[in-house]
Amino acid sequence: MTDSATWNERYAATELVWSSEPNQFVVETCAGLRPGRALDLGAGEGRNAVWLAGRGWTVTAVDFAENAVSRITARSAMEALKITATVADAVSYQPPAGSLELALLCYLQLPLAQLRKAITHVAAGLVAGGRLVVIAHDASNLQHGYGGPRDPNMLTTATQVAQAMTEAGLQVDSADVRERQVLVDTGFRYALDHVVIGSR
């Protein structure tokens, strides 16, 4: 599912597609950061944007599905959070230069060429010392993990993401693959995600 119409239908069909809790790796990598201006690109229903805003960040949440953006806007208003939700394509979206202390791409599963473009655009929006955090299903998850896209063209590796960050002019601070526990009917399974952090 990569088109906005399909995702709009999916969001319209249920009250909540994803968990309302932030991703565990977002919490691990961002909890200690001083709040500033953040971008959540491919924000979905806004679980990570809401968590960041609740910690004092001023967040721009971008998604190409209008129904997802509407949910973010409604929750932001209800909880008086500093979130601006915008409908836009993640590949072409370009934040203003030097406008971000943090950019988050969390499970923005794109073919590598498109992901490179998104990373390049987002990197240009970071201030000196700003951070880019990319969290995604790793390519190894297809054979050795649980869940995530079944199309190998939609999966990348930590090395590929790190290279894209380097090409965008960022310093790669860490790039590794981590296990994420997933509760299923029969117990627990484990997904393999890569977490790559870069800075300007």
N, C-alpha and C. Protein backbone atom coordinates (compact mmCIF):
# COMPACT_ATOMS: atom_id res chain seq x y z
N MET A 1 0.84 -1.20 0.00
CA MET A 1 0.00 0.00 0.00
C MET A 1 0.88 1.25 0.00
N THR A 2 0.97 1.89 -1.13
CA THR A 2 1.85 3.05 -1.19
C THR A 2 1.14 4.30 -1.69
N ASP A 3 -0.15 4.20 -2.05
CA ASP A 3 -0.85 5.37 -2.56
C ASP A 3 -1.76 5.96 -1.49
N SER A 4 -1.97 7.27 -1.56
CA SER A 4 -2.72 7.96 -0.52
C SER A 4 -4.18 7.52 -0.46
N ALA A 5 -4.78 7.21 -1.62
CA ALA A 5 -6.18 6.80 -1.64
C ALA A 5 -6.38 5.50 -0.85
N THR A 6 -5.47 4.55 -1.02
CA THR A 6 -5.57 3.29 -0.31
C THR A 6 -5.43 3.50 1.19
N TRP A 7 -4.48 4.35 1.58
CA TRP A 7 -4.28 4.61 3.01
C TRP A 7 -5.45 5.40 3.59
N ASN A 8 -6.03 6.31 2.82
CA ASN A 8 -7.22 7.02 3.30
C ASN A 8 -8.35 6.04 3.60
N GLU A 9 -8.53 5.06 2.73
CA GLU A 9 -9.57 4.05 2.94
C GLU A 9 -9.26 3.23 4.19
N ARG A 10 -8.00 2.91 4.38
CA ARG A 10 -7.62 2.10 5.55
C ARG A 10 -7.87 2.87 6.84
N TYR A 11 -7.52 4.15 6.87
CA TYR A 11 -7.75 4.95 8.07
C TYR A 11 -9.25 5.15 8.32
N ALA A 12 -10.03 5.26 7.24
CA ALA A 12 -11.47 5.47 7.39
C ALA A 12 -12.18 4.23 7.91
N ALA A 13 -11.57 3.06 7.70
CA ALA A 13 -12.24 1.80 8.03
C ALA A 13 -12.15 1.43 9.50
N THR A 14 -11.28 2.09 10.27
CA THR A 14 -11.11 1.73 11.67
C THR A 14 -10.78 2.96 12.49
N GLU A 15 -11.07 2.87 13.78
CA GLU A 15 -10.84 4.02 14.66
C GLU A 15 -9.36 4.31 14.84
N LEU A 16 -8.55 3.25 14.91
CA LEU A 16 -7.11 3.43 15.11
C LEU A 16 -6.38 2.30 14.40
N VAL A 17 -5.59 2.64 13.38
CA VAL A 17 -4.85 1.63 12.62
C VAL A 17 -3.63 1.17 13.40
N TRP A 18 -2.91 2.14 13.97
CA TRP A 18 -1.67 1.84 14.70
C TRP A 18 -1.88 2.04 16.19
N SER A 19 -0.91 1.61 16.96
CA SER A 19 -0.93 1.85 18.40
C SER A 19 -0.90 3.35 18.68
N SER A 20 -1.51 3.74 19.79
CA SER A 20 -1.47 5.16 20.18
C SER A 20 -0.19 5.50 20.92
N GLU A 21 0.58 4.48 21.29
CA GLU A 21 1.84 4.70 22.00
C GLU A 21 2.97 4.97 21.02
N PRO A 22 3.96 5.78 21.42
CA PRO A 22 5.08 6.06 20.52
C PRO A 22 5.92 4.82 20.29
N ASN A 23 6.62 4.78 19.20
CA ASN A 23 7.53 3.68 18.92
C ASN A 23 8.64 3.64 19.96
N GLN A 24 9.01 2.44 20.38
CA GLN A 24 9.98 2.32 21.46
C GLN A 24 11.33 2.91 21.10
N PHE A 25 11.72 2.83 19.84
CA PHE A 25 13.02 3.35 19.45
C PHE A 25 13.00 4.88 19.34
N VAL A 26 11.83 5.44 19.04
CA VAL A 26 11.69 6.89 19.09
C VAL A 26 11.91 7.37 20.52
N VAL A 27 11.30 6.67 21.47
CA VAL A 27 11.46 7.03 22.88
C VAL A 27 12.92 6.91 23.30
N GLU A 28 13.55 5.80 22.92
CA GLU A 28 14.94 5.57 23.32
C GLU A 28 15.89 6.61 22.75
N THR A 29 15.67 7.02 21.51
CA THR A 29 16.62 7.92 20.86
C THR A 29 16.33 9.40 21.11
N CYS A 30 15.10 9.73 21.48
CA CYS A 30 14.71 11.14 21.57
C CYS A 30 14.38 11.63 22.98
N ALA A 31 14.24 10.72 23.93
CA ALA A 31 13.81 11.13 25.28
C ALA A 31 14.77 12.10 25.93
N GLY A 32 16.06 11.97 25.64
CA GLY A 32 17.04 12.82 26.30
C GLY A 32 17.37 14.11 25.58
N LEU A 33 16.69 14.37 24.46
CA LEU A 33 16.99 15.56 23.67
C LEU A 33 16.26 16.79 24.21
N ARG A 34 16.91 17.94 24.08
CA ARG A 34 16.25 19.20 24.47
C ARG A 34 15.18 19.52 23.43
N PRO A 35 13.95 19.82 23.86
CA PRO A 35 12.88 20.11 22.90
C PRO A 35 13.21 21.32 22.02
N GLY A 36 12.77 21.23 20.79
CA GLY A 36 12.93 22.31 19.83
C GLY A 36 11.88 22.14 18.74
N ARG A 37 12.30 22.27 17.50
CA ARG A 37 11.39 22.11 16.37
C ARG A 37 11.66 20.76 15.71
N ALA A 38 10.59 20.01 15.51
CA ALA A 38 10.74 18.65 14.99
C ALA A 38 9.83 18.43 13.79
N LEU A 39 10.26 17.53 12.92
CA LEU A 39 9.47 17.08 11.78
C LEU A 39 9.25 15.58 11.91
N ASP A 40 8.00 15.15 11.81
CA ASP A 40 7.65 13.74 11.75
C ASP A 40 7.14 13.49 10.34
N LEU A 41 8.00 12.91 9.50
CA LEU A 41 7.69 12.73 8.08
C LEU A 41 7.13 11.33 7.86
N GLY A 42 5.92 11.26 7.31
CA GLY A 42 5.22 9.99 7.22
C GLY A 42 4.64 9.66 8.58
N ALA A 43 3.92 10.63 9.15
CA ALA A 43 3.53 10.59 10.56
C ALA A 43 2.40 9.62 10.87
N GLY A 44 1.67 9.15 9.84
CA GLY A 44 0.54 8.28 10.12
C GLY A 44 -0.49 9.01 10.97
N GLU A 45 -0.96 8.35 12.01
CA GLU A 45 -1.96 8.96 12.89
C GLU A 45 -1.34 9.84 13.97
N GLY A 46 -0.02 9.96 13.95
CA GLY A 46 0.64 10.94 14.79
C GLY A 46 1.10 10.49 16.15
N ARG A 47 1.24 9.18 16.36
CA ARG A 47 1.61 8.72 17.71
C ARG A 47 2.95 9.27 18.16
N ASN A 48 3.92 9.36 17.25
CA ASN A 48 5.23 9.88 17.64
C ASN A 48 5.23 11.41 17.73
N ALA A 49 4.49 12.05 16.84
CA ALA A 49 4.36 13.51 16.89
C ALA A 49 3.71 13.95 18.19
N VAL A 50 2.67 13.23 18.60
CA VAL A 50 1.97 13.55 19.86
C VAL A 50 2.90 13.38 21.04
N TRP A 51 3.66 12.30 21.03
CA TRP A 51 4.61 12.06 22.13
C TRP A 51 5.65 13.18 22.21
N LEU A 52 6.20 13.57 21.06
CA LEU A 52 7.18 14.66 21.04
C LEU A 52 6.57 15.97 21.53
N ALA A 53 5.39 16.29 21.02
CA ALA A 53 4.73 17.54 21.42
C ALA A 53 4.42 17.53 22.91
N GLY A 54 4.08 16.38 23.44
CA GLY A 54 3.82 16.26 24.87
C GLY A 54 5.04 16.49 25.72
N ARG A 55 6.21 16.39 25.10
CA ARG A 55 7.47 16.64 25.81
C ARG A 55 8.03 18.02 25.53
N GLY A 56 7.21 18.86 24.87
CA GLY A 56 7.60 20.24 24.67
C GLY A 56 8.09 20.61 23.29
N TRP A 57 8.12 19.65 22.37
CA TRP A 57 8.55 19.94 21.01
C TRP A 57 7.45 20.67 20.25
N THR A 58 7.85 21.51 19.31
CA THR A 58 6.94 22.08 18.32
C THR A 58 7.08 21.24 17.06
N VAL A 59 6.02 20.54 16.69
CA VAL A 59 6.13 19.48 15.68
C VAL A 59 5.36 19.81 14.41
N THR A 60 6.00 19.54 13.28
CA THR A 60 5.31 19.50 11.99
C THR A 60 5.15 18.03 11.63
N ALA A 61 3.91 17.58 11.49
CA ALA A 61 3.61 16.19 11.15
C ALA A 61 3.11 16.14 9.71
N VAL A 62 3.78 15.36 8.88
CA VAL A 62 3.47 15.31 7.45
C VAL A 62 3.06 13.89 7.06
N ASP A 63 1.93 13.77 6.37
CA ASP A 63 1.52 12.49 5.83
C ASP A 63 0.72 12.73 4.55
N PHE A 64 0.72 11.74 3.65
CA PHE A 64 -0.01 11.96 2.39
C PHE A 64 -1.47 11.54 2.47
N ALA A 65 -1.89 10.97 3.60
CA ALA A 65 -3.28 10.54 3.78
C ALA A 65 -4.05 11.61 4.56
N GLU A 66 -5.06 12.19 3.94
CA GLU A 66 -5.83 13.25 4.57
C GLU A 66 -6.50 12.78 5.87
N ASN A 67 -6.98 11.54 5.87
CA ASN A 67 -7.65 11.03 7.07
C ASN A 67 -6.69 10.94 8.25
N ALA A 68 -5.44 10.57 7.98
CA ALA A 68 -4.44 10.52 9.05
C ALA A 68 -4.16 11.91 9.59
N VAL A 69 -3.99 12.87 8.68
CA VAL A 69 -3.70 14.25 9.09
C VAL A 69 -4.87 14.83 9.88
N SER A 70 -6.10 14.50 9.49
CA SER A 70 -7.27 14.98 10.23
C SER A 70 -7.27 14.46 11.67
N ARG A 71 -6.84 13.21 11.84
CA ARG A 71 -6.79 12.65 13.19
C ARG A 71 -5.73 13.35 14.04
N ILE A 72 -4.60 13.65 13.43
CA ILE A 72 -3.55 14.37 14.16
C ILE A 72 -4.05 15.75 14.57
N THR A 73 -4.69 16.44 13.64
CA THR A 73 -5.19 17.79 13.92
C THR A 73 -6.21 17.77 15.05
N ALA A 74 -7.11 16.80 15.02
CA ALA A 74 -8.14 16.70 16.06
C ALA A 74 -7.53 16.41 17.41
N ARG A 75 -6.59 15.49 17.47
CA ARG A 75 -5.98 15.15 18.76
C ARG A 75 -5.13 16.30 19.28
N SER A 76 -4.43 16.97 18.37
CA SER A 76 -3.62 18.12 18.76
C SER A 76 -4.48 19.22 19.38
N ALA A 77 -5.62 19.48 18.78
CA ALA A 77 -6.53 20.51 19.31
C ALA A 77 -7.10 20.09 20.66
N MET A 78 -7.45 18.82 20.78
CA MET A 78 -8.06 18.33 22.02
C MET A 78 -7.07 18.40 23.19
N GLU A 79 -5.79 18.12 22.89
CA GLU A 79 -4.79 18.07 23.95
C GLU A 79 -3.94 19.35 24.01
N ALA A 80 -4.30 20.34 23.19
CA ALA A 80 -3.57 21.62 23.17
C ALA A 80 -2.08 21.42 22.93
N LEU A 81 -1.75 20.64 21.91
CA LEU A 81 -0.36 20.35 21.58
C LEU A 81 0.12 21.23 20.43
N LYS A 82 1.41 21.49 20.40
CA LYS A 82 1.99 22.31 19.34
C LYS A 82 2.35 21.42 18.15
N ILE A 83 1.33 21.06 17.38
CA ILE A 83 1.53 20.23 16.19
C ILE A 83 0.83 20.90 15.02
N THR A 84 1.56 21.06 13.94
CA THR A 84 0.99 21.48 12.66
C THR A 84 0.98 20.28 11.75
N ALA A 85 -0.20 19.81 11.38
CA ALA A 85 -0.32 18.62 10.54
C ALA A 85 -0.57 19.03 9.09
N THR A 86 0.19 18.44 8.19
CA THR A 86 0.17 18.85 6.79
C THR A 86 0.03 17.64 5.87
N VAL A 87 -0.82 17.77 4.86
CA VAL A 87 -0.93 16.74 3.83
C VAL A 87 0.11 17.02 2.75
N ALA A 88 1.04 16.09 2.59
CA ALA A 88 2.09 16.25 1.57
C ALA A 88 2.75 14.90 1.32
N ASP A 89 3.36 14.78 0.18
CA ASP A 89 4.09 13.57 -0.18
C ASP A 89 5.46 13.60 0.48
N ALA A 90 5.83 12.52 1.14
CA ALA A 90 7.08 12.48 1.90
C ALA A 90 8.32 12.63 1.02
N VAL A 91 8.25 12.16 -0.20
CA VAL A 91 9.42 12.21 -1.08
C VAL A 91 9.70 13.63 -1.56
N SER A 92 8.65 14.39 -1.82
CA SER A 92 8.84 15.74 -2.36
C SER A 92 8.82 16.83 -1.30
N TYR A 93 8.37 16.52 -0.08
CA TYR A 93 8.28 17.54 0.97
C TYR A 93 9.66 18.08 1.33
N GLN A 94 9.76 19.41 1.38
CA GLN A 94 11.03 20.05 1.73
C GLN A 94 10.82 21.06 2.86
N PRO A 95 11.35 20.78 4.05
CA PRO A 95 11.25 21.76 5.13
C PRO A 95 12.14 22.96 4.84
N PRO A 96 11.83 24.12 5.38
CA PRO A 96 12.70 25.28 5.19
C PRO A 96 14.11 24.98 5.72
N ALA A 97 15.11 25.52 5.06
CA ALA A 97 16.49 25.30 5.47
C ALA A 97 16.71 25.79 6.90
N GLY A 98 17.42 25.00 7.67
CA GLY A 98 17.76 25.39 9.02
C GLY A 98 16.58 25.58 9.95
N SER A 99 15.51 24.81 9.75
CA SER A 99 14.29 25.02 10.54
C SER A 99 14.04 23.94 11.58
N LEU A 100 14.93 22.93 11.67
CA LEU A 100 14.64 21.76 12.51
C LEU A 100 15.81 21.38 13.41
N GLU A 101 15.48 21.07 14.65
CA GLU A 101 16.45 20.45 15.54
C GLU A 101 16.38 18.92 15.46
N LEU A 102 15.24 18.41 14.99
CA LEU A 102 15.03 16.97 14.91
C LEU A 102 14.15 16.64 13.72
N ALA A 103 14.51 15.60 12.99
CA ALA A 103 13.66 15.06 11.94
C ALA A 103 13.53 13.56 12.16
N LEU A 104 12.31 13.07 12.05
CA LEU A 104 12.02 11.67 12.32
C LEU A 104 11.36 11.03 11.10
N LEU A 105 11.95 9.94 10.65
CA LEU A 105 11.35 9.09 9.62
C LEU A 105 11.15 7.73 10.24
N CYS A 106 9.94 7.44 10.66
CA CYS A 106 9.65 6.21 11.39
C CYS A 106 8.75 5.30 10.55
N TYR A 107 9.31 4.21 10.06
CA TYR A 107 8.63 3.27 9.18
C TYR A 107 8.08 3.94 7.92
N LEU A 108 8.85 4.86 7.41
CA LEU A 108 8.55 5.44 6.09
C LEU A 108 9.17 4.50 5.07
N GLN A 109 8.46 3.42 4.78
CA GLN A 109 8.99 2.36 3.93
C GLN A 109 8.87 2.75 2.46
N LEU A 110 10.00 3.09 1.87
CA LEU A 110 10.06 3.54 0.48
C LEU A 110 11.15 2.79 -0.26
N PRO A 111 11.05 2.67 -1.57
CA PRO A 111 12.19 2.17 -2.35
C PRO A 111 13.41 3.06 -2.08
N LEU A 112 14.59 2.49 -2.16
CA LEU A 112 15.80 3.19 -1.74
C LEU A 112 15.99 4.53 -2.45
N ALA A 113 15.73 4.60 -3.75
CA ALA A 113 15.94 5.85 -4.48
C ALA A 113 15.04 6.96 -3.93
N GLN A 114 13.80 6.61 -3.61
CA GLN A 114 12.87 7.60 -3.06
C GLN A 114 13.26 7.99 -1.63
N LEU A 115 13.70 7.00 -0.85
CA LEU A 115 14.13 7.29 0.51
C LEU A 115 15.33 8.24 0.51
N ARG A 116 16.25 8.04 -0.42
CA ARG A 116 17.40 8.94 -0.54
C ARG A 116 16.95 10.38 -0.76
N LYS A 117 15.95 10.57 -1.63
CA LYS A 117 15.45 11.92 -1.88
C LYS A 117 14.86 12.53 -0.62
N ALA A 118 14.07 11.74 0.10
CA ALA A 118 13.46 12.25 1.33
C ALA A 118 14.53 12.62 2.34
N ILE A 119 15.54 11.79 2.48
CA ILE A 119 16.62 12.07 3.43
C ILE A 119 17.38 13.33 3.03
N THR A 120 17.64 13.49 1.74
CA THR A 120 18.34 14.69 1.26
C THR A 120 17.56 15.94 1.57
N HIS A 121 16.25 15.93 1.32
CA HIS A 121 15.41 17.09 1.59
C HIS A 121 15.37 17.41 3.08
N VAL A 122 15.19 16.37 3.89
CA VAL A 122 15.08 16.58 5.33
C VAL A 122 16.41 17.06 5.92
N ALA A 123 17.50 16.49 5.45
CA ALA A 123 18.82 16.89 5.95
C ALA A 123 19.07 18.37 5.76
N ALA A 124 18.60 18.92 4.65
CA ALA A 124 18.77 20.34 4.38
C ALA A 124 18.00 21.22 5.35
N GLY A 125 17.00 20.64 6.01
CA GLY A 125 16.20 21.40 6.96
C GLY A 125 16.78 21.45 8.36
N LEU A 126 17.85 20.67 8.62
CA LEU A 126 18.41 20.61 9.96
C LEU A 126 19.33 21.79 10.26
N VAL A 127 19.26 22.27 11.48
CA VAL A 127 20.22 23.27 11.95
C VAL A 127 21.53 22.55 12.27
N ALA A 128 22.60 23.31 12.49
CA ALA A 128 23.85 22.72 12.95
C ALA A 128 23.61 22.02 14.27
N GLY A 129 24.00 20.75 14.36
CA GLY A 129 23.74 19.96 15.55
C GLY A 129 22.41 19.25 15.53
N GLY A 130 21.58 19.53 14.52
CA GLY A 130 20.28 18.87 14.41
C GLY A 130 20.42 17.39 14.10
N ARG A 131 19.41 16.62 14.45
CA ARG A 131 19.46 15.17 14.30
C ARG A 131 18.41 14.64 13.33
N LEU A 132 18.80 13.62 12.59
CA LEU A 132 17.86 12.86 11.77
C LEU A 132 17.83 11.44 12.30
N VAL A 133 16.65 10.96 12.62
CA VAL A 133 16.47 9.59 13.12
C VAL A 133 15.61 8.82 12.12
N VAL A 134 16.16 7.73 11.58
CA VAL A 134 15.43 6.88 10.65
C VAL A 134 15.25 5.51 11.29
N ILE A 135 14.00 5.09 11.42
CA ILE A 135 13.65 3.79 11.98
C ILE A 135 12.81 3.07 10.94
N ALA A 136 13.17 1.84 10.60
CA ALA A 136 12.44 1.13 9.55
C ALA A 136 12.61 -0.37 9.70
N HIS A 137 11.70 -1.10 9.08
CA HIS A 137 11.86 -2.55 8.99
C HIS A 137 13.12 -2.83 8.17
N ASP A 138 14.02 -3.62 8.71
CA ASP A 138 15.26 -3.94 8.01
C ASP A 138 15.03 -5.00 6.94
N ALA A 139 15.88 -4.99 5.91
CA ALA A 139 15.75 -5.97 4.84
C ALA A 139 15.85 -7.40 5.38
N SER A 140 16.63 -7.61 6.45
CA SER A 140 16.77 -8.94 7.03
C SER A 140 15.47 -9.43 7.67
N ASN A 141 14.54 -8.51 7.94
CA ASN A 141 13.26 -8.89 8.55
C ASN A 141 12.44 -9.80 7.65
N LEU A 142 12.66 -9.67 6.35
CA LEU A 142 11.89 -10.47 5.39
C LEU A 142 12.11 -11.97 5.61
N GLN A 143 13.34 -12.35 5.94
CA GLN A 143 13.67 -13.76 6.14
C GLN A 143 13.72 -14.16 7.61
N HIS A 144 14.10 -13.23 8.48
CA HIS A 144 14.42 -13.61 9.85
C HIS A 144 13.57 -12.92 10.91
N GLY A 145 12.68 -12.02 10.50
CA GLY A 145 11.87 -11.29 11.47
C GLY A 145 10.39 -11.48 11.24
N TYR A 146 9.60 -10.63 11.90
CA TYR A 146 8.14 -10.75 11.84
C TYR A 146 7.53 -9.42 11.40
N GLY A 147 6.48 -9.52 10.55
CA GLY A 147 5.74 -8.33 10.13
C GLY A 147 6.47 -7.52 9.08
N GLY A 148 5.95 -6.33 8.85
CA GLY A 148 6.57 -5.43 7.88
C GLY A 148 6.23 -5.77 6.45
N PRO A 149 6.69 -4.95 5.50
CA PRO A 149 6.42 -5.19 4.09
C PRO A 149 6.99 -6.52 3.61
N ARG A 150 6.26 -7.15 2.71
CA ARG A 150 6.75 -8.40 2.11
C ARG A 150 7.47 -8.15 0.80
N ASP A 151 7.43 -6.91 0.33
CA ASP A 151 8.10 -6.54 -0.92
C ASP A 151 9.53 -6.13 -0.61
N PRO A 152 10.54 -6.87 -1.09
CA PRO A 152 11.93 -6.53 -0.78
C PRO A 152 12.34 -5.15 -1.29
N ASN A 153 11.63 -4.64 -2.31
CA ASN A 153 11.95 -3.32 -2.84
C ASN A 153 11.57 -2.20 -1.87
N MET A 154 10.76 -2.53 -0.86
CA MET A 154 10.33 -1.54 0.13
C MET A 154 11.15 -1.63 1.41
N LEU A 155 12.20 -2.43 1.38
CA LEU A 155 13.03 -2.64 2.56
C LEU A 155 14.46 -2.18 2.30
N THR A 156 15.08 -1.61 3.31
CA THR A 156 16.45 -1.13 3.21
C THR A 156 17.27 -1.71 4.36
N THR A 157 18.57 -1.40 4.33
CA THR A 157 19.46 -1.83 5.40
C THR A 157 20.00 -0.60 6.13
N ALA A 158 20.56 -0.84 7.30
CA ALA A 158 21.19 0.25 8.05
C ALA A 158 22.33 0.87 7.25
N THR A 159 23.07 0.03 6.55
CA THR A 159 24.20 0.53 5.75
C THR A 159 23.73 1.44 4.63
N GLN A 160 22.65 1.06 3.95
CA GLN A 160 22.11 1.89 2.87
C GLN A 160 21.62 3.23 3.39
N VAL A 161 20.93 3.23 4.52
CA VAL A 161 20.42 4.48 5.10
C VAL A 161 21.58 5.35 5.55
N ALA A 162 22.57 4.74 6.17
CA ALA A 162 23.75 5.50 6.61
C ALA A 162 24.45 6.14 5.43
N GLN A 163 24.56 5.42 4.33
CA GLN A 163 25.19 5.97 3.13
C GLN A 163 24.39 7.15 2.59
N ALA A 164 23.07 7.02 2.60
CA ALA A 164 22.21 8.12 2.13
C ALA A 164 22.39 9.35 3.01
N MET A 165 22.53 9.16 4.30
CA MET A 165 22.76 10.29 5.20
C MET A 165 24.10 10.95 4.90
N THR A 166 25.13 10.14 4.70
CA THR A 166 26.46 10.67 4.38
C THR A 166 26.43 11.47 3.09
N GLU A 167 25.74 10.94 2.09
CA GLU A 167 25.64 11.64 0.81
C GLU A 167 24.87 12.95 0.95
N ALA A 168 24.00 13.03 1.95
CA ALA A 168 23.22 14.25 2.20
C ALA A 168 23.99 15.25 3.08
N GLY A 169 25.21 14.91 3.43
CA GLY A 169 26.04 15.84 4.19
C GLY A 169 25.96 15.70 5.68
N LEU A 170 25.41 14.59 6.16
CA LEU A 170 25.29 14.38 7.60
C LEU A 170 26.38 13.45 8.12
N GLN A 171 26.67 13.58 9.39
CA GLN A 171 27.54 12.64 10.08
C GLN A 171 26.68 11.52 10.64
N VAL A 172 27.08 10.28 10.41
CA VAL A 172 26.33 9.14 10.94
C VAL A 172 26.84 8.84 12.34
N ASP A 173 25.97 8.95 13.32
CA ASP A 173 26.34 8.73 14.71
C ASP A 173 26.18 7.27 15.12
N SER A 174 25.18 6.60 14.56
CA SER A 174 25.00 5.17 14.84
C SER A 174 24.11 4.57 13.76
N ALA A 175 24.32 3.29 13.51
CA ALA A 175 23.51 2.57 12.51
C ALA A 175 23.53 1.10 12.88
N ASP A 176 22.41 0.60 13.38
CA ASP A 176 22.39 -0.79 13.80
C ASP A 176 21.00 -1.40 13.62
N VAL A 177 20.95 -2.72 13.75
CA VAL A 177 19.70 -3.47 13.65
C VAL A 177 19.30 -3.91 15.06
N ARG A 178 18.03 -3.70 15.40
CA ARG A 178 17.55 -4.03 16.74
C ARG A 178 16.30 -4.90 16.66
N GLU A 179 16.13 -5.72 17.68
CA GLU A 179 14.92 -6.54 17.78
C GLU A 179 13.82 -5.75 18.47
N ARG A 180 12.61 -5.93 17.96
CA ARG A 180 11.43 -5.31 18.57
C ARG A 180 10.40 -6.41 18.84
N GLN A 181 9.98 -6.51 20.07
CA GLN A 181 9.04 -7.56 20.46
C GLN A 181 7.62 -7.20 20.00
N VAL A 182 6.96 -8.15 19.37
CA VAL A 182 5.60 -7.94 18.86
C VAL A 182 4.68 -9.00 19.48
N LEU A 183 3.62 -8.54 20.12
CA LEU A 183 2.66 -9.47 20.72
C LEU A 183 1.68 -9.97 19.67
N VAL A 184 1.56 -11.29 19.54
CA VAL A 184 0.60 -11.91 18.63
C VAL A 184 -0.26 -12.88 19.44
N ASP A 185 -1.25 -13.49 18.78
CA ASP A 185 -2.19 -14.38 19.48
C ASP A 185 -1.49 -15.54 20.18
N THR A 186 -0.40 -16.01 19.61
CA THR A 186 0.27 -17.20 20.16
C THR A 186 1.43 -16.85 21.09
N GLY A 187 1.65 -15.56 21.34
CA GLY A 187 2.76 -15.17 22.21
C GLY A 187 3.50 -13.97 21.64
N PHE A 188 4.82 -14.07 21.62
CA PHE A 188 5.62 -12.96 21.12
C PHE A 188 6.42 -13.38 19.89
N ARG A 189 6.54 -12.46 18.93
CA ARG A 189 7.43 -12.62 17.79
C ARG A 189 8.38 -11.43 17.82
N TYR A 190 9.39 -11.49 16.97
CA TYR A 190 10.40 -10.43 16.98
C TYR A 190 10.60 -9.86 15.58
N ALA A 191 10.45 -8.55 15.49
CA ALA A 191 10.72 -7.84 14.24
C ALA A 191 12.15 -7.33 14.28
N LEU A 192 12.75 -7.20 13.11
CA LEU A 192 14.10 -6.66 13.00
C LEU A 192 14.02 -5.28 12.34
N ASP A 193 14.36 -4.26 13.09
CA ASP A 193 14.32 -2.88 12.61
C ASP A 193 15.73 -2.30 12.59
N HIS A 194 16.00 -1.41 11.64
CA HIS A 194 17.25 -0.67 11.77
C HIS A 194 16.95 0.73 12.30
N VAL A 195 17.86 1.21 13.12
CA VAL A 195 17.78 2.53 13.72
C VAL A 195 19.08 3.25 13.33
N VAL A 196 18.92 4.30 12.53
CA VAL A 196 20.08 5.04 12.04
C VAL A 196 19.94 6.50 12.46
N ILE A 197 20.96 7.03 13.10
CA ILE A 197 20.93 8.40 13.61
C ILE A 197 22.06 9.19 12.98
N GLY A 198 21.71 10.32 12.40
CA GLY A 198 22.70 11.20 11.80
C GLY A 198 22.56 12.60 12.35
N SER A 199 23.59 13.40 12.22
CA SER A 199 23.54 14.79 12.71
C SER A 199 24.27 15.71 11.75
N ARG A 200 23.87 17.00 11.78
CA ARG A 200 24.53 17.98 10.93
C ARG A 200 25.64 18.68 11.71
